[in-house]
Amino acid sequence: MPCDTGDARDLVGQLDRALTIELQHYTKLEVEGRTFGYLWEPTRTIGLRQTIAEQQALVGERPEVFEVQFTAYGYGWVVCRLEGVERDELAELVFEAWRLSAPADVVEARGDKLPV
């Protein structure tokens, strides 16, 4: 079943110390003051921090679902059309973005427990 913005919010809400910050045109996703994503309700898309290799793989495999958002500081941000992914795949993407951004002690305390 395809995802929507409610799924994205629910998954982010399950991550340790993650916050959603409502701004005028989008919602910023943060962990300990570090941004790991952006959620755009009107377009039903989410932008997430990934490794550059993962960004290239996602966009290369499914360009109808994923697109390059930008590359900065060694990370490849990717935009995901929520209706193009299942919840378990979105959980992995959100978790990885969070893990790439969270402090090491927070990541270590959580381990590999994905949101569900």
N, C-alpha and C. Protein backbone atom coordinates (compact mmCIF):
# COMPACT_ATOMS: atom_id res chain seq x y z
N MET A 1 0.85 -1.18 0.00
CA MET A 1 0.00 0.00 0.00
C MET A 1 0.89 1.25 0.00
N PRO A 2 0.64 2.19 -0.88
CA PRO A 2 1.46 3.40 -0.96
C PRO A 2 1.39 4.24 0.32
N CYS A 3 2.43 5.01 0.54
CA CYS A 3 2.52 5.86 1.73
C CYS A 3 1.90 7.23 1.48
N ASP A 4 1.68 7.94 2.59
CA ASP A 4 1.25 9.32 2.53
C ASP A 4 2.00 10.09 3.61
N THR A 5 1.69 11.37 3.75
CA THR A 5 2.42 12.20 4.72
C THR A 5 2.17 11.74 6.16
N GLY A 6 1.02 11.16 6.42
CA GLY A 6 0.75 10.63 7.76
C GLY A 6 1.69 9.50 8.12
N ASP A 7 1.99 8.64 7.15
CA ASP A 7 2.96 7.57 7.38
C ASP A 7 4.33 8.16 7.71
N ALA A 8 4.73 9.15 6.95
CA ALA A 8 6.04 9.77 7.17
C ALA A 8 6.10 10.38 8.58
N ARG A 9 5.08 11.11 8.98
CA ARG A 9 5.05 11.72 10.31
C ARG A 9 5.08 10.65 11.41
N ASP A 10 4.34 9.58 11.21
CA ASP A 10 4.31 8.51 12.19
C ASP A 10 5.68 7.87 12.35
N LEU A 11 6.35 7.57 11.25
CA LEU A 11 7.67 6.95 11.31
C LEU A 11 8.69 7.86 11.98
N VAL A 12 8.69 9.13 11.63
CA VAL A 12 9.61 10.09 12.25
C VAL A 12 9.33 10.18 13.75
N GLY A 13 8.07 10.16 14.13
CA GLY A 13 7.70 10.26 15.54
C GLY A 13 8.19 9.10 16.39
N GLN A 14 8.54 8.01 15.76
CA GLN A 14 9.04 6.84 16.49
C GLN A 14 10.55 6.87 16.72
N LEU A 15 11.24 7.83 16.14
CA LEU A 15 12.69 7.89 16.25
C LEU A 15 13.12 8.72 17.45
N ASP A 16 14.11 8.26 18.14
CA ASP A 16 14.62 8.90 19.35
C ASP A 16 15.05 10.34 19.07
N ARG A 17 14.53 11.24 19.87
CA ARG A 17 14.87 12.67 19.86
C ARG A 17 14.57 13.38 18.54
N ALA A 18 13.77 12.77 17.70
CA ALA A 18 13.40 13.41 16.43
C ALA A 18 12.30 14.43 16.68
N LEU A 19 12.40 15.54 15.97
CA LEU A 19 11.40 16.60 16.07
C LEU A 19 10.88 16.95 14.68
N THR A 20 9.63 17.35 14.61
CA THR A 20 9.08 17.93 13.39
C THR A 20 8.85 19.41 13.67
N ILE A 21 9.37 20.24 12.82
CA ILE A 21 9.27 21.68 12.99
C ILE A 21 8.45 22.23 11.83
N GLU A 22 7.27 22.74 12.16
CA GLU A 22 6.35 23.23 11.14
C GLU A 22 6.77 24.63 10.68
N LEU A 23 7.07 24.75 9.40
CA LEU A 23 7.41 26.02 8.81
C LEU A 23 6.32 26.40 7.81
N GLN A 24 6.46 27.54 7.17
CA GLN A 24 5.38 28.04 6.32
C GLN A 24 5.03 27.10 5.16
N HIS A 25 6.03 26.57 4.48
CA HIS A 25 5.76 25.78 3.27
C HIS A 25 6.13 24.30 3.40
N TYR A 26 6.73 23.92 4.51
CA TYR A 26 7.17 22.54 4.67
C TYR A 26 7.41 22.25 6.15
N THR A 27 7.66 21.00 6.44
CA THR A 27 7.99 20.56 7.80
C THR A 27 9.43 20.10 7.79
N LYS A 28 10.22 20.62 8.71
CA LYS A 28 11.62 20.21 8.82
C LYS A 28 11.73 19.09 9.84
N LEU A 29 12.54 18.07 9.52
CA LEU A 29 12.75 16.94 10.40
C LEU A 29 14.15 17.06 11.00
N GLU A 30 14.22 17.04 12.33
CA GLU A 30 15.50 17.24 13.00
C GLU A 30 15.72 16.21 14.10
N VAL A 31 17.00 15.98 14.38
CA VAL A 31 17.41 15.20 15.55
C VAL A 31 18.56 15.96 16.19
N GLU A 32 18.36 16.37 17.44
CA GLU A 32 19.39 17.11 18.18
C GLU A 32 19.91 18.31 17.39
N GLY A 33 19.01 19.04 16.75
CA GLY A 33 19.37 20.25 16.02
C GLY A 33 19.95 20.02 14.65
N ARG A 34 20.01 18.77 14.21
CA ARG A 34 20.56 18.44 12.89
C ARG A 34 19.42 18.01 11.96
N THR A 35 19.33 18.64 10.82
CA THR A 35 18.26 18.34 9.87
C THR A 35 18.53 17.04 9.15
N PHE A 36 17.52 16.17 9.11
CA PHE A 36 17.66 14.93 8.35
C PHE A 36 16.59 14.79 7.27
N GLY A 37 15.66 15.73 7.21
CA GLY A 37 14.66 15.64 6.17
C GLY A 37 13.73 16.82 6.12
N TYR A 38 12.92 16.84 5.06
CA TYR A 38 11.90 17.86 4.83
C TYR A 38 10.66 17.15 4.31
N LEU A 39 9.50 17.54 4.79
CA LEU A 39 8.25 16.95 4.34
C LEU A 39 7.39 18.05 3.72
N TRP A 40 6.92 17.80 2.49
CA TRP A 40 6.06 18.75 1.80
C TRP A 40 4.68 18.13 1.66
N GLU A 41 3.73 18.61 2.44
CA GLU A 41 2.37 18.06 2.43
C GLU A 41 1.68 18.22 1.06
N PRO A 42 1.71 19.43 0.44
CA PRO A 42 0.97 19.62 -0.80
C PRO A 42 1.40 18.68 -1.94
N THR A 43 2.70 18.39 -2.00
CA THR A 43 3.19 17.53 -3.08
C THR A 43 3.34 16.07 -2.65
N ARG A 44 3.07 15.79 -1.39
CA ARG A 44 3.19 14.43 -0.85
C ARG A 44 4.57 13.85 -1.14
N THR A 45 5.60 14.66 -0.82
CA THR A 45 6.98 14.23 -1.00
C THR A 45 7.76 14.45 0.29
N ILE A 46 8.86 13.70 0.41
CA ILE A 46 9.75 13.85 1.54
C ILE A 46 11.17 13.90 0.99
N GLY A 47 11.97 14.82 1.48
CA GLY A 47 13.38 14.91 1.13
C GLY A 47 14.19 14.37 2.30
N LEU A 48 15.11 13.46 2.00
CA LEU A 48 15.85 12.79 3.07
C LEU A 48 17.35 12.76 2.78
N ARG A 49 18.12 12.90 3.84
CA ARG A 49 19.57 12.77 3.75
C ARG A 49 19.92 11.30 3.52
N GLN A 50 20.79 11.06 2.57
CA GLN A 50 21.28 9.71 2.28
C GLN A 50 22.77 9.83 1.96
N THR A 51 23.43 8.71 1.82
CA THR A 51 24.78 8.75 1.30
C THR A 51 24.69 9.09 -0.19
N ILE A 52 25.77 9.56 -0.75
CA ILE A 52 25.76 9.86 -2.19
C ILE A 52 25.53 8.59 -2.98
N ALA A 53 26.13 7.49 -2.56
CA ALA A 53 25.94 6.22 -3.26
C ALA A 53 24.48 5.79 -3.24
N GLU A 54 23.83 5.94 -2.10
CA GLU A 54 22.42 5.56 -1.99
C GLU A 54 21.55 6.49 -2.81
N GLN A 55 21.85 7.78 -2.80
CA GLN A 55 21.12 8.74 -3.63
C GLN A 55 21.18 8.33 -5.09
N GLN A 56 22.36 8.02 -5.57
CA GLN A 56 22.53 7.64 -6.97
C GLN A 56 21.82 6.33 -7.29
N ALA A 57 21.88 5.38 -6.37
CA ALA A 57 21.22 4.09 -6.59
C ALA A 57 19.70 4.26 -6.65
N LEU A 58 19.13 5.00 -5.70
CA LEU A 58 17.67 5.20 -5.69
C LEU A 58 17.18 5.89 -6.95
N VAL A 59 17.84 6.98 -7.31
CA VAL A 59 17.43 7.74 -8.49
C VAL A 59 17.65 6.92 -9.76
N GLY A 60 18.75 6.19 -9.82
CA GLY A 60 19.04 5.38 -10.99
C GLY A 60 18.07 4.22 -11.18
N GLU A 61 17.64 3.61 -10.09
CA GLU A 61 16.74 2.46 -10.16
C GLU A 61 15.28 2.85 -10.39
N ARG A 62 14.84 3.96 -9.76
CA ARG A 62 13.43 4.33 -9.84
C ARG A 62 13.27 5.84 -9.95
N PRO A 63 13.63 6.40 -11.11
CA PRO A 63 13.54 7.85 -11.27
C PRO A 63 12.11 8.39 -11.24
N GLU A 64 11.13 7.51 -11.39
CA GLU A 64 9.74 7.95 -11.29
C GLU A 64 9.32 8.18 -9.84
N VAL A 65 10.11 7.67 -8.90
CA VAL A 65 9.81 7.79 -7.47
C VAL A 65 10.80 8.72 -6.77
N PHE A 66 12.07 8.65 -7.15
CA PHE A 66 13.14 9.39 -6.47
C PHE A 66 13.79 10.38 -7.42
N GLU A 67 14.20 11.53 -6.86
CA GLU A 67 14.97 12.49 -7.63
C GLU A 67 16.02 13.13 -6.73
N VAL A 68 17.08 13.59 -7.35
CA VAL A 68 18.14 14.27 -6.61
C VAL A 68 17.58 15.59 -6.10
N GLN A 69 17.75 15.83 -4.79
CA GLN A 69 17.36 17.12 -4.22
C GLN A 69 18.57 18.04 -4.26
N PHE A 70 19.66 17.62 -3.62
CA PHE A 70 20.92 18.33 -3.68
C PHE A 70 21.99 17.46 -3.05
N THR A 71 23.23 17.86 -3.20
CA THR A 71 24.36 17.18 -2.57
C THR A 71 25.11 18.23 -1.78
N ALA A 72 25.41 17.91 -0.51
CA ALA A 72 26.11 18.86 0.34
C ALA A 72 26.84 18.13 1.46
N TYR A 73 28.05 18.58 1.74
CA TYR A 73 28.84 18.06 2.86
C TYR A 73 28.97 16.53 2.83
N GLY A 74 29.11 15.99 1.63
CA GLY A 74 29.31 14.56 1.49
C GLY A 74 28.05 13.71 1.54
N TYR A 75 26.89 14.35 1.54
CA TYR A 75 25.62 13.61 1.57
C TYR A 75 24.82 13.91 0.32
N GLY A 76 24.06 12.93 -0.12
CA GLY A 76 23.20 13.09 -1.29
C GLY A 76 21.75 13.08 -0.85
N TRP A 77 21.13 14.22 -0.83
CA TRP A 77 19.73 14.33 -0.44
C TRP A 77 18.85 13.87 -1.59
N VAL A 78 17.78 13.16 -1.27
CA VAL A 78 16.90 12.61 -2.28
C VAL A 78 15.45 12.95 -1.95
N VAL A 79 14.68 13.31 -2.97
CA VAL A 79 13.25 13.54 -2.81
C VAL A 79 12.53 12.25 -3.19
N CYS A 80 11.58 11.87 -2.37
CA CYS A 80 10.81 10.64 -2.58
C CYS A 80 9.34 11.00 -2.71
N ARG A 81 8.71 10.52 -3.77
CA ARG A 81 7.26 10.65 -3.93
C ARG A 81 6.62 9.56 -3.08
N LEU A 82 5.92 9.95 -2.04
CA LEU A 82 5.43 9.00 -1.05
C LEU A 82 4.52 7.93 -1.64
N GLU A 83 3.74 8.27 -2.65
CA GLU A 83 2.83 7.26 -3.22
C GLU A 83 3.60 6.17 -3.98
N GLY A 84 4.90 6.35 -4.17
CA GLY A 84 5.70 5.38 -4.89
C GLY A 84 6.43 4.38 -4.01
N VAL A 85 6.26 4.48 -2.69
CA VAL A 85 6.96 3.55 -1.78
C VAL A 85 5.99 2.92 -0.79
N GLU A 86 6.34 1.74 -0.36
CA GLU A 86 5.60 1.05 0.69
C GLU A 86 6.13 1.53 2.04
N ARG A 87 5.36 1.32 3.08
CA ARG A 87 5.74 1.81 4.42
C ARG A 87 7.06 1.22 4.90
N ASP A 88 7.33 -0.06 4.66
CA ASP A 88 8.58 -0.64 5.15
C ASP A 88 9.79 -0.02 4.46
N GLU A 89 9.66 0.31 3.18
CA GLU A 89 10.76 0.99 2.48
C GLU A 89 10.94 2.41 3.01
N LEU A 90 9.85 3.11 3.24
CA LEU A 90 9.93 4.46 3.80
C LEU A 90 10.55 4.42 5.19
N ALA A 91 10.22 3.41 5.98
CA ALA A 91 10.81 3.27 7.32
C ALA A 91 12.33 3.16 7.22
N GLU A 92 12.82 2.39 6.28
CA GLU A 92 14.26 2.24 6.10
C GLU A 92 14.91 3.56 5.67
N LEU A 93 14.27 4.27 4.75
CA LEU A 93 14.82 5.53 4.26
C LEU A 93 14.86 6.60 5.35
N VAL A 94 13.78 6.71 6.12
CA VAL A 94 13.70 7.69 7.20
C VAL A 94 14.72 7.34 8.29
N PHE A 95 14.81 6.05 8.62
CA PHE A 95 15.76 5.61 9.65
C PHE A 95 17.19 5.92 9.23
N GLU A 96 17.52 5.65 7.99
CA GLU A 96 18.89 5.92 7.52
C GLU A 96 19.19 7.41 7.55
N ALA A 97 18.25 8.24 7.15
CA ALA A 97 18.46 9.69 7.20
C ALA A 97 18.68 10.14 8.64
N TRP A 98 17.87 9.61 9.55
CA TRP A 98 18.01 9.93 10.97
C TRP A 98 19.36 9.47 11.48
N ARG A 99 19.75 8.24 11.14
CA ARG A 99 21.01 7.67 11.63
C ARG A 99 22.21 8.45 11.12
N LEU A 100 22.13 8.97 9.89
CA LEU A 100 23.23 9.77 9.33
C LEU A 100 23.34 11.13 10.01
N SER A 101 22.32 11.53 10.75
CA SER A 101 22.27 12.86 11.34
C SER A 101 22.37 12.87 12.86
N ALA A 102 21.91 11.84 13.52
CA ALA A 102 21.86 11.80 14.98
C ALA A 102 23.26 11.67 15.57
N PRO A 103 23.45 12.18 16.79
CA PRO A 103 24.72 11.99 17.48
C PRO A 103 25.00 10.50 17.70
N ALA A 104 26.27 10.14 17.73
CA ALA A 104 26.68 8.74 17.83
C ALA A 104 26.08 8.02 19.03
N ASP A 105 25.99 8.70 20.17
CA ASP A 105 25.44 8.03 21.36
C ASP A 105 23.96 7.71 21.21
N VAL A 106 23.23 8.56 20.50
CA VAL A 106 21.80 8.34 20.25
C VAL A 106 21.63 7.16 19.29
N VAL A 107 22.44 7.12 18.25
CA VAL A 107 22.39 6.03 17.29
C VAL A 107 22.75 4.71 17.97
N GLU A 108 23.80 4.74 18.77
CA GLU A 108 24.24 3.52 19.46
C GLU A 108 23.17 3.00 20.41
N ALA A 109 22.53 3.90 21.12
CA ALA A 109 21.49 3.49 22.08
C ALA A 109 20.30 2.85 21.36
N ARG A 110 19.98 3.32 20.18
CA ARG A 110 18.84 2.77 19.44
C ARG A 110 19.18 1.46 18.75
N GLY A 111 20.42 1.33 18.29
CA GLY A 111 20.78 0.13 17.55
C GLY A 111 20.18 0.16 16.16
N ASP A 112 19.79 -1.01 15.67
CA ASP A 112 19.25 -1.12 14.32
C ASP A 112 17.72 -1.23 14.30
N LYS A 113 17.07 -0.76 15.35
CA LYS A 113 15.61 -0.89 15.46
C LYS A 113 14.92 0.13 14.55
N LEU A 114 14.34 -0.38 13.47
CA LEU A 114 13.60 0.48 12.53
C LEU A 114 12.26 0.90 13.12
N PRO A 115 11.76 2.05 12.72
CA PRO A 115 10.38 2.38 13.07
C PRO A 115 9.45 1.45 12.28
N VAL A 116 8.24 1.25 12.78
CA VAL A 116 7.31 0.33 12.10
C VAL A 116 6.04 1.02 11.65
